[in-house]
Each structure stands twice: as C-alpha cells, then as structure tokens.
Amino acid sequence: MLEGLKIVEYATYIAAPGAGGVMADWGADVIKVEPPGGDPIRMFFSSLGVDTDFNPVFDMDNRGKRGVILDTAQPAGRDALLKLIDGADIFLTNVRPGGLQRAGLDHEYILKRCPRLIYATLTGYGLEGPDADRPGMDSAAFWARSGLAAMFRPKGGDPVQLRTAFGDHVASLAIVSAVLAAVHERHQTGKGRLVDASLLRVAHYVGGSDFAIQHTRGRIASNRARKDVPNPLINYFKTADDHWISLLQRQGEKDWPKLARALQVEQLVDDPRFANNRVRRDNGAQLVPLLDEAFAARPLSEIAAALDAEQMIWAPMLTPAEAIADPQAIAAGCVVQTPKHDGSTMPAPAAPVRFPGADDGPKGPSPKLGEHTRAVLRELGYDEAEIDALYASGAAA
C-alpha cells in the first residue's frame, strides 16, 4: 500500500524505528541510517548479560528495512545523508533538537532545502519549552513525567515499572498516523511539513479520559485494591481452577441482574446494599467477597459459558505464553512470520492493523549492520572509488 514511498530513518532505539517498521511492513522503502557501531538497541540482550545470536526486540521494529552506516560527524557522511534525504518522501528522526542543529540537520535547514519533504521528529518532550532538549525514553517521558505512572500506582503502593517499549510503540502508532496525514496534505498542496511527535504528548492522549476528568473536576479516582474499586463489577475475579478473568459492566443497571443470574446469586439483586451503582460503590468491600465466592465455586469453562449466555463483557487474563498462542489472536492476525537471513521465518507481533487482501506483512529480515551501505551509495551515484574512500575514512561502513 505504501509502495513508492521512500523513508530515510535517522533514528535509534524503538519509538521512531517502530514507526518506520510499520510503514516498511506496508510496503514503504525504509532506509535505516545507523551511526558507527550501530543502533544501541542491537545490544539489548547483551546489555542485560544475555548471550544470544538473535535479537527479537531489534528485529521486530526493523524488519524489511535496508541498513546503512554513516558517520554524520564527518562532512562526507553528512553529505551522503543529505543526498539520501534529497530523494526521500519522509525523513524520520529521534535525534534531539540540539544534536540536529549542531549537525546541520535541523528542520529549518532541511525543509528549506527539500520543501516537499515530510520531516518527522520524535522527542521525549517536544520541540519547544525548557525541556525540549532533555533526553527522554518512554519510562521517563511517557510514563513518569506524564502522570500515567501515578495513575497506575496502587493506592498507597509503590510505582509500577512500564513494560519494555510500551510507550514507544504507542508513540510509533501516533507517528505513522501523523506522517500519513502529512502525505495526504502534500498530495493536495505539493508542500511538505514538520511533524512534531513527543512521548509526553502521546501519553497525555493515551490517558486522555482520566486527564479530561482531571481538567474539569480537579481530581481522578486512584488505582485501588479489588475490594475498594469505584465499581465492584468492573474487576478481576478468580475461578475454581485458578484462572483470573476481567469483568466489565456496561453503563446503567442492566448488567447487574444478568451477572447475578450467571453467578447464581440472584438474591443479591434485591439486597439494599447492592441495589444500584451508588450503593454498590459504597458497599464494594462487602460485595466483592460474595462475588469472589461465586466465581471460585466453578471452573473457568462453566463461568465462561454462564457469562456468555448472559452476554456479559469479560475476558480471560492470559499469560504472555498463552496470548501468543491464543486462537483468536492468530485469527485476528496478531502474529506474523518474519523472514530470517537464512531463509527460514520466525513468529513475531504483527503491525497493528490488517488490510484484507493486501500484502501487509513483513517484507524481509532486519538488516545486518551496514548490510546495504554500498548498494544505497551506488543508488545515490557514488562510484566504487568514492565508496571505498568513504569506507577508508570511516564516513561509511
């Protein structure tokens, strides 16, 4: 679907490369420009003391790209990058504004040079303000600084760590949507533009429902223990065979009698302590143990059948191992086979949206370090002697 769209990715780690990876799956020609030594995320496992020959974290976000090494601190390396940008539709970077300015790759200069270019930048905190040049990974900018970590912390408990690249991949989706909006705009105007994405702003959108309440009411509910939640019917419960399920309630009162029938506790419907949402909230500490007892009386298979018969909204809480093998996840296209360099494939998470009938899966393996440098330089018009000179000087590798 994006065949013919050329993207130069001058970025490391995950959020911006994740956006490039999605667009590579969808057919864009993504050229990943790495510094000498490579993208630090290539060392994800070795930095944890794990000895492995493959890196699924790097592979997921960089599959199907072409890999180039340029030292942009050298004039020859910078010139090669500029030639790449001259022929690109999109320049995607997560280098901090100060670093781009010092390298002569800031958006003011590049957009003046290439007025049709879409210049997409991902930072921790945005391009303006006192912290615009502050380094910010997702645990810091997306999770802690945004207020999300405080929202998720159990009341009175310690903060909870963000899972690997969770905020980064949410930002990847935001970048993709913004870049493609800019592509549509360019079709109409013929002009490119700056796209300014930040982990902080993405986080404020992701937590938007709570933030909207905070803006207007001045406070939000804290994350509480199961017996103290604002709505005891929106909760987790454990079945007799030790499976947790997530239970939800629609707005209004219609689901409470249905749930009571499913759990065979119809007598609770007329109990004045639990007659409506308000009193159930006030008496949640009494209601939750009664529901716990009802859930714990039967195995998951029986509970599932009873809840489904009443058309309740619920889901099993799967482990990661169960989730990647879940038949519904497979049917929904959540897992794709990603090519490896030896011709085999390996399972990996899919890009977030399916386009039925289109080739929307991985187009190839992630690039080896500097795998396509020579080929890309040839495409830019460098002859073999010039390429050898770039290699000899360290400007390319």
Protein backbone atom coordinates (compact mmCIF):
# COMPACT_ATOMS: atom_id res chain seq x y z
CA MET A 1 0.00 0.00 0.00
CA LEU A 2 2.91 2.36 0.64
CA GLU A 3 4.99 1.11 -2.28
CA GLY A 4 6.83 4.04 -3.83
CA LEU A 5 7.11 5.93 -0.55
CA LYS A 6 10.76 6.40 0.43
CA ILE A 7 11.64 6.95 4.08
CA VAL A 8 15.06 7.83 5.48
CA GLU A 9 15.14 6.79 9.11
CA TYR A 10 17.85 8.52 11.13
CA ALA A 11 16.82 7.13 14.48
CA THR A 12 17.77 4.69 17.22
CA TYR A 13 16.03 2.61 19.89
CA ILE A 14 12.32 1.97 19.37
CA ALA A 15 9.66 4.68 19.03
CA ALA A 16 10.72 6.21 15.71
CA PRO A 17 12.14 2.95 14.27
CA GLY A 18 8.87 1.28 15.27
CA ALA A 19 7.00 3.73 13.05
CA GLY A 20 9.43 3.01 10.23
CA GLY A 21 8.89 -0.71 10.80
CA VAL A 22 5.12 -0.45 10.46
CA MET A 23 5.47 1.51 7.23
CA ALA A 24 8.04 -1.00 5.93
CA ASP A 25 5.51 -3.79 6.54
CA TRP A 26 3.03 -1.78 4.48
CA GLY A 27 5.44 -1.51 1.56
CA ALA A 28 7.48 1.67 2.07
CA ASP A 29 11.18 1.64 1.16
CA VAL A 30 12.75 2.41 4.55
CA ILE A 31 16.49 3.10 4.67
CA LYS A 32 17.76 2.89 8.23
CA VAL A 33 20.81 5.09 8.79
CA GLU A 34 22.82 3.97 11.80
CA PRO A 35 25.88 5.53 13.42
CA PRO A 36 29.20 3.69 13.51
CA GLY A 37 28.75 0.78 15.90
CA GLY A 38 25.05 0.59 15.10
CA ASP A 39 21.77 1.33 16.81
CA PRO A 40 22.27 0.75 20.56
CA ILE A 41 19.11 -1.38 20.69
CA ARG A 42 21.09 -4.03 18.80
CA MET A 43 22.78 -4.60 22.17
CA PHE A 44 19.51 -5.02 24.10
CA PHE A 45 20.22 -8.54 25.32
CA SER A 46 23.99 -8.22 25.74
CA SER A 47 23.41 -5.18 27.98
CA LEU A 48 21.32 -7.50 30.18
CA GLY A 49 24.11 -10.07 30.29
CA VAL A 50 22.24 -12.45 27.98
CA ASP A 51 24.32 -14.20 25.31
CA THR A 52 22.20 -14.76 22.21
CA ASP A 53 22.67 -14.79 18.44
CA PHE A 54 19.40 -13.06 17.67
CA ASN A 55 17.55 -10.02 18.95
CA PRO A 56 13.76 -10.15 18.51
CA VAL A 57 13.40 -6.65 20.01
CA PHE A 58 15.53 -5.14 17.23
CA ASP A 59 14.15 -7.47 14.57
CA MET A 60 10.52 -6.56 15.21
CA ASP A 61 10.93 -2.83 14.59
CA ASN A 62 13.49 -3.06 11.79
CA ARG A 63 12.31 -5.92 9.60
CA GLY A 64 12.13 -5.18 5.91
CA LYS A 65 14.41 -2.14 6.07
CA ARG A 66 17.69 -1.52 4.31
CA GLY A 67 20.56 -0.74 6.65
CA VAL A 68 23.25 1.89 6.08
CA ILE A 69 26.06 3.11 8.35
CA LEU A 70 27.10 6.74 8.02
CA ASP A 71 29.19 8.84 10.37
CA THR A 72 27.40 12.17 10.07
CA ALA A 73 30.00 13.83 12.28
CA GLN A 74 32.23 13.71 9.20
CA PRO A 75 31.37 16.04 6.31
CA ALA A 76 31.41 13.16 3.82
CA GLY A 77 28.98 11.15 5.94
CA ARG A 78 26.68 14.13 6.38
CA ASP A 79 26.78 14.82 2.66
CA ALA A 80 25.75 11.24 1.93
CA LEU A 81 22.83 11.55 4.34
CA LEU A 82 21.74 14.80 2.72
CA LYS A 83 21.77 13.10 -0.70
CA LEU A 84 19.56 10.38 0.74
CA ILE A 85 17.17 12.97 2.17
CA ASP A 86 17.06 14.83 -1.16
CA GLY A 87 15.44 11.79 -2.76
CA ALA A 88 13.15 10.86 0.12
CA ASP A 89 9.50 11.49 0.83
CA ILE A 90 9.90 11.32 4.60
CA PHE A 91 12.78 11.95 6.99
CA LEU A 92 12.17 10.23 10.32
CA THR A 93 14.39 11.01 13.30
CA ASN A 94 14.52 10.88 17.08
CA VAL A 95 17.78 12.77 17.47
CA ARG A 96 17.36 15.58 19.98
CA PRO A 97 16.89 19.10 18.55
CA GLY A 98 20.29 20.29 19.76
CA GLY A 99 22.09 17.41 18.11
CA LEU A 100 20.28 18.00 14.83
CA GLN A 101 21.12 21.71 14.99
CA ARG A 102 24.81 21.01 15.61
CA ALA A 103 24.89 18.52 12.71
CA GLY A 104 23.19 20.95 10.33
CA LEU A 105 20.23 18.59 10.01
CA ASP A 106 17.61 20.71 11.78
CA HIS A 107 14.17 21.00 10.26
CA GLU A 108 14.56 24.66 9.30
CA TYR A 109 17.54 23.87 7.07
CA ILE A 110 16.27 20.56 5.70
CA LEU A 111 12.78 21.81 4.82
CA LYS A 112 14.25 24.86 3.09
CA ARG A 113 16.48 22.51 1.10
CA CYS A 114 13.68 19.97 0.45
CA PRO A 115 10.32 21.79 0.53
CA ARG A 116 8.32 18.66 -0.40
CA LEU A 117 9.83 16.60 2.40
CA ILE A 118 7.86 15.44 5.42
CA TYR A 119 10.24 15.90 8.33
CA ALA A 120 9.00 13.75 11.24
CA THR A 121 10.67 14.10 14.60
CA LEU A 122 10.07 12.12 17.77
CA THR A 123 11.38 13.56 21.03
CA GLY A 124 10.74 12.96 24.69
CA TYR A 125 9.22 16.35 25.43
CA GLY A 126 8.53 18.20 22.17
CA LEU A 127 10.41 20.83 20.21
CA GLU A 128 9.58 23.81 22.44
CA GLY A 129 9.84 24.62 26.12
CA PRO A 130 12.60 24.42 28.73
CA ASP A 131 13.00 20.64 28.45
CA ALA A 132 12.87 20.35 24.67
CA ASP A 133 16.46 19.06 24.51
CA ARG A 134 16.19 16.77 27.54
CA PRO A 135 16.77 13.07 26.81
CA GLY A 136 13.59 11.13 27.41
CA MET A 137 12.84 7.45 26.98
CA ASP A 138 9.35 6.07 27.47
CA SER A 139 9.71 5.16 31.15
CA ALA A 140 10.64 8.76 31.86
CA ALA A 141 8.74 10.99 29.42
CA PHE A 142 5.75 8.78 28.55
CA TRP A 143 5.25 7.06 31.90
CA ALA A 144 6.59 9.09 34.82
CA ARG A 145 6.54 12.73 33.68
CA SER A 146 3.12 12.43 32.02
CA GLY A 147 1.27 11.31 35.15
CA LEU A 148 0.47 7.83 33.83
CA ALA A 149 2.73 6.10 36.36
CA ALA A 150 0.92 7.86 39.20
CA MET A 151 -2.44 6.80 37.74
CA PHE A 152 -1.42 3.14 37.59
CA ARG A 153 0.27 3.03 41.01
CA PRO A 154 -1.94 1.16 43.50
CA LYS A 155 -3.21 3.50 46.20
CA GLY A 156 -0.56 3.61 48.91
CA GLY A 157 1.75 1.33 46.92
CA ASP A 158 5.00 1.72 45.03
CA PRO A 159 5.12 2.84 41.39
CA VAL A 160 4.88 0.07 38.79
CA GLN A 161 7.53 -0.23 36.08
CA LEU A 162 6.47 0.22 32.46
CA ARG A 163 6.88 -2.90 30.31
CA THR A 164 9.52 -2.93 27.57
CA ALA A 165 8.91 -0.23 24.95
CA PHE A 166 5.20 0.03 25.78
CA GLY A 167 5.11 3.81 25.45
CA ASP A 168 7.49 3.72 22.50
CA HIS A 169 5.16 1.56 20.45
CA VAL A 170 2.15 3.71 21.28
CA ALA A 171 4.20 6.66 20.00
CA SER A 172 5.07 4.65 16.88
CA LEU A 173 1.37 4.46 16.02
CA ALA A 174 0.99 8.20 16.54
CA ILE A 175 3.94 8.91 14.24
CA VAL A 176 2.58 6.67 11.49
CA SER A 177 -0.83 8.34 11.57
CA ALA A 178 0.71 11.83 11.57
CA VAL A 179 3.13 11.06 8.75
CA LEU A 180 0.39 9.65 6.54
CA ALA A 181 -1.81 12.67 7.29
CA ALA A 182 1.07 14.84 6.09
CA VAL A 183 1.42 12.68 2.97
CA HIS A 184 -2.25 13.31 2.19
CA GLU A 185 -1.79 17.04 2.76
CA ARG A 186 1.19 17.06 0.38
CA HIS A 187 -0.95 15.42 -2.32
CA GLN A 188 -3.20 18.46 -2.09
CA THR A 189 -0.68 21.26 -1.59
CA GLY A 190 2.58 19.94 -3.03
CA LYS A 191 4.35 21.03 0.14
CA GLY A 192 5.95 19.04 2.92
CA ARG A 193 5.87 19.92 6.59
CA LEU A 194 7.32 19.36 10.04
CA VAL A 195 5.66 16.61 12.12
CA ASP A 196 6.39 17.06 15.85
CA ALA A 197 5.64 13.96 17.95
CA SER A 198 6.66 13.54 21.57
CA LEU A 199 6.37 10.76 24.11
CA LEU A 200 4.91 13.27 26.57
CA ARG A 201 2.10 14.43 24.30
CA VAL A 202 1.26 10.88 23.22
CA ALA A 203 0.96 9.90 26.89
CA HIS A 204 -1.46 12.76 27.59
CA TYR A 205 -3.64 11.48 24.75
CA VAL A 206 -3.41 7.84 25.88
CA GLY A 207 -4.50 8.86 29.38
CA GLY A 208 -6.96 11.33 27.89
CA SER A 209 -10.14 10.11 29.57
CA ASP A 210 -8.62 10.49 33.02
CA PHE A 211 -6.92 13.75 32.08
CA ALA A 212 -10.21 15.13 30.77
CA ILE A 213 -11.73 14.41 34.19
CA GLN A 214 -8.72 15.98 35.92
CA HIS A 215 -9.02 19.11 33.79
CA THR A 216 -12.70 19.61 34.57
CA ARG A 217 -13.23 18.10 38.03
CA GLY A 218 -9.83 18.69 39.57
CA ARG A 219 -9.22 15.08 40.63
CA ILE A 220 -9.47 11.49 39.45
CA ALA A 221 -10.04 8.17 41.18
CA SER A 222 -6.92 6.39 42.37
CA ASN A 223 -5.99 2.87 41.36
CA ARG A 224 -7.30 0.80 44.23
CA ALA A 225 -7.30 -2.74 45.52
CA ARG A 226 -10.01 -5.07 44.22
CA LYS A 227 -12.30 -4.65 47.24
CA ASP A 228 -12.08 -0.88 47.09
CA VAL A 229 -12.63 -0.11 43.40
CA PRO A 230 -15.22 2.54 42.42
CA ASN A 231 -17.32 -0.10 40.66
CA PRO A 232 -17.00 -3.63 42.10
CA LEU A 233 -18.45 -5.12 38.92
CA ILE A 234 -15.53 -3.79 36.88
CA ASN A 235 -12.94 -6.01 38.43
CA TYR A 236 -10.85 -9.18 38.35
CA PHE A 237 -12.10 -12.47 39.72
CA LYS A 238 -10.54 -15.93 40.08
CA THR A 239 -12.30 -19.15 39.09
CA ALA A 240 -12.12 -22.51 40.85
CA ASP A 241 -9.26 -23.64 38.60
CA ASP A 242 -7.17 -20.53 39.35
CA HIS A 243 -7.89 -18.57 36.17
CA TRP A 244 -8.32 -14.82 36.54
CA ILE A 245 -10.91 -13.08 34.39
CA SER A 246 -11.53 -9.42 33.69
CA LEU A 247 -15.19 -8.50 34.16
CA LEU A 248 -16.76 -5.30 32.84
CA GLN A 249 -20.14 -3.65 33.26
CA ARG A 250 -21.95 -1.55 30.66
CA GLN A 251 -23.32 1.81 31.64
CA GLY A 252 -26.55 1.75 33.63
CA GLU A 253 -28.08 -1.06 35.65
CA LYS A 254 -28.96 -3.74 33.08
CA ASP A 255 -25.86 -5.88 33.63
CA TRP A 256 -26.23 -6.42 37.37
CA PRO A 257 -29.22 -8.83 37.17
CA LYS A 258 -27.54 -10.66 34.28
CA LEU A 259 -24.34 -11.14 36.24
CA ALA A 260 -26.26 -12.31 39.29
CA ARG A 261 -28.04 -14.94 37.20
CA ALA A 262 -24.78 -16.09 35.63
CA LEU A 263 -23.19 -16.48 39.07
CA GLN A 264 -26.34 -17.97 40.63
CA VAL A 265 -26.57 -15.22 43.25
CA GLU A 266 -29.90 -13.70 42.20
CA GLN A 267 -30.73 -12.94 45.82
CA LEU A 268 -28.12 -10.17 45.80
CA VAL A 269 -30.05 -8.14 43.22
CA ASP A 270 -32.71 -7.17 45.76
CA ASP A 271 -30.26 -6.70 48.60
CA PRO A 272 -30.49 -2.97 49.50
CA ARG A 273 -26.71 -2.84 49.89
CA PHE A 274 -26.27 -3.69 46.20
CA ALA A 275 -29.44 -2.37 44.55
CA ASN A 276 -27.76 0.23 42.30
CA ASN A 277 -24.39 1.54 41.23
CA ARG A 278 -24.15 4.10 44.01
CA VAL A 279 -24.75 1.71 46.89
CA ARG A 280 -22.62 -1.00 45.27
CA ARG A 281 -19.77 1.50 45.20
CA ASP A 282 -20.32 2.31 48.88
CA ASN A 283 -20.56 -1.37 49.83
CA GLY A 284 -17.96 -2.81 47.48
CA ALA A 285 -15.93 -4.23 50.35
CA GLN A 286 -18.94 -6.42 51.18
CA LEU A 287 -19.94 -7.28 47.62
CA VAL A 288 -16.56 -8.30 46.21
CA PRO A 289 -16.05 -11.21 48.67
CA LEU A 290 -19.53 -12.52 47.79
CA LEU A 291 -18.70 -12.39 44.10
CA ASP A 292 -15.32 -13.97 44.79
CA GLU A 293 -17.08 -16.88 46.43
CA ALA A 294 -19.41 -17.32 43.46
CA PHE A 295 -16.60 -17.21 40.90
CA ALA A 296 -14.47 -19.59 42.96
CA ALA A 297 -17.26 -22.17 43.05
CA ARG A 298 -16.91 -23.15 39.38
CA PRO A 299 -14.13 -23.67 36.83
CA LEU A 300 -13.44 -21.24 34.02
CA SER A 301 -15.31 -23.31 31.42
CA GLU A 302 -18.55 -23.15 33.40
CA ILE A 303 -18.13 -19.49 34.35
CA ALA A 304 -17.39 -18.62 30.72
CA ALA A 305 -20.49 -20.39 29.46
CA ALA A 306 -22.68 -18.70 32.07
CA LEU A 307 -21.32 -15.22 31.36
CA ASP A 308 -21.64 -15.71 27.61
CA ALA A 309 -25.23 -16.87 27.99
CA GLU A 310 -25.99 -13.52 29.63
CA GLN A 311 -23.89 -11.63 27.02
CA MET A 312 -21.64 -10.17 29.70
CA ILE A 313 -18.41 -8.47 28.69
CA TRP A 314 -15.43 -10.37 30.04
CA ALA A 315 -12.10 -11.84 29.01
CA PRO A 316 -9.65 -14.32 30.47
CA MET A 317 -6.40 -12.86 31.78
CA LEU A 318 -3.87 -14.72 29.67
CA THR A 319 -0.17 -15.06 30.31
CA PRO A 320 2.14 -13.86 27.52
CA ALA A 321 2.78 -17.51 26.60
CA GLU A 322 -0.96 -18.14 26.34
CA ALA A 323 -1.60 -14.88 24.50
CA ILE A 324 0.76 -15.54 21.59
CA ALA A 325 -0.86 -18.95 21.07
CA ASP A 326 -4.45 -17.74 21.55
CA PRO A 327 -6.50 -19.00 18.57
CA GLN A 328 -8.38 -15.70 18.42
CA ALA A 329 -5.12 -13.75 18.33
CA ILE A 330 -3.94 -15.95 15.47
CA ALA A 331 -7.24 -15.48 13.63
CA ALA A 332 -7.04 -11.71 14.12
CA GLY A 333 -3.60 -11.66 12.52
CA CYS A 334 -1.72 -10.68 15.68
CA VAL A 335 1.20 -12.97 14.82
CA VAL A 336 3.15 -12.92 11.56
CA GLN A 337 6.02 -14.98 10.22
CA THR A 338 9.06 -12.76 9.78
CA PRO A 339 11.80 -13.74 7.29
CA LYS A 340 15.28 -14.50 8.61
CA HIS A 341 18.55 -14.19 6.75
CA ASP A 342 18.89 -17.97 6.42
CA GLY A 343 15.59 -18.21 4.53
CA SER A 344 13.57 -19.50 7.46
CA THR A 345 10.97 -17.49 9.36
CA MET A 346 10.17 -16.73 12.97
CA PRO A 347 6.93 -15.63 14.63
CA ALA A 348 6.65 -12.02 15.72
CA PRO A 349 3.97 -9.43 16.55
CA ALA A 350 2.19 -8.04 13.52
CA ALA A 351 1.74 -4.40 12.63
CA PRO A 352 -1.37 -3.07 14.38
CA VAL A 353 -3.91 -3.10 11.53
CA ARG A 354 -4.85 -5.67 8.91
CA PHE A 355 -5.66 -4.76 5.31
CA PRO A 356 -7.53 -7.81 3.95
CA GLY A 357 -6.30 -8.82 0.54
CA ALA A 358 -3.17 -6.66 0.72
CA ASP A 359 0.43 -7.67 1.30
CA ASP A 360 0.63 -6.05 4.71
CA GLY A 361 3.18 -8.30 6.43
CA PRO A 362 6.96 -8.27 6.88
CA LYS A 363 8.89 -7.78 3.65
CA GLY A 364 12.22 -9.16 4.87
CA PRO A 365 14.53 -9.57 7.84
CA SER A 366 16.03 -6.72 9.81
CA PRO A 367 19.27 -5.51 8.20
CA LYS A 368 22.63 -6.72 9.34
CA LEU A 369 24.90 -3.91 10.49
CA GLY A 370 25.74 -1.88 7.38
CA GLU A 371 24.32 -4.59 5.11
CA HIS A 372 23.12 -2.25 2.38
CA THR A 373 25.56 0.67 2.67
CA ARG A 374 27.36 0.02 -0.61
CA ALA A 375 24.18 -0.65 -2.57
CA VAL A 376 22.48 2.51 -1.31
CA LEU A 377 25.56 4.65 -2.00
CA ARG A 378 25.62 3.31 -5.56
CA GLU A 379 21.98 4.32 -5.95
CA LEU A 380 22.98 7.85 -4.90
CA GLY A 381 25.52 7.99 -7.74
CA TYR A 382 28.75 7.24 -5.89
CA ASP A 383 31.25 5.21 -7.90
CA GLU A 384 33.26 2.37 -6.39
CA ALA A 385 36.35 4.53 -5.78
CA GLU A 386 34.28 7.12 -3.92
CA ILE A 387 32.59 4.42 -1.86
CA ASP A 388 35.95 2.88 -1.00
CA ALA A 389 37.16 6.30 0.11
CA LEU A 390 34.12 6.73 2.37
CA TYR A 391 34.83 3.33 3.93
CA ALA A 392 38.54 4.13 4.33
CA SER A 393 37.76 7.40 6.15
CA GLY A 394 35.12 5.79 8.38
CA ALA A 395 32.39 8.05 6.99
CA ALA A 396 30.59 4.91 5.83
CA ALA A 397 30.68 1.28 6.90
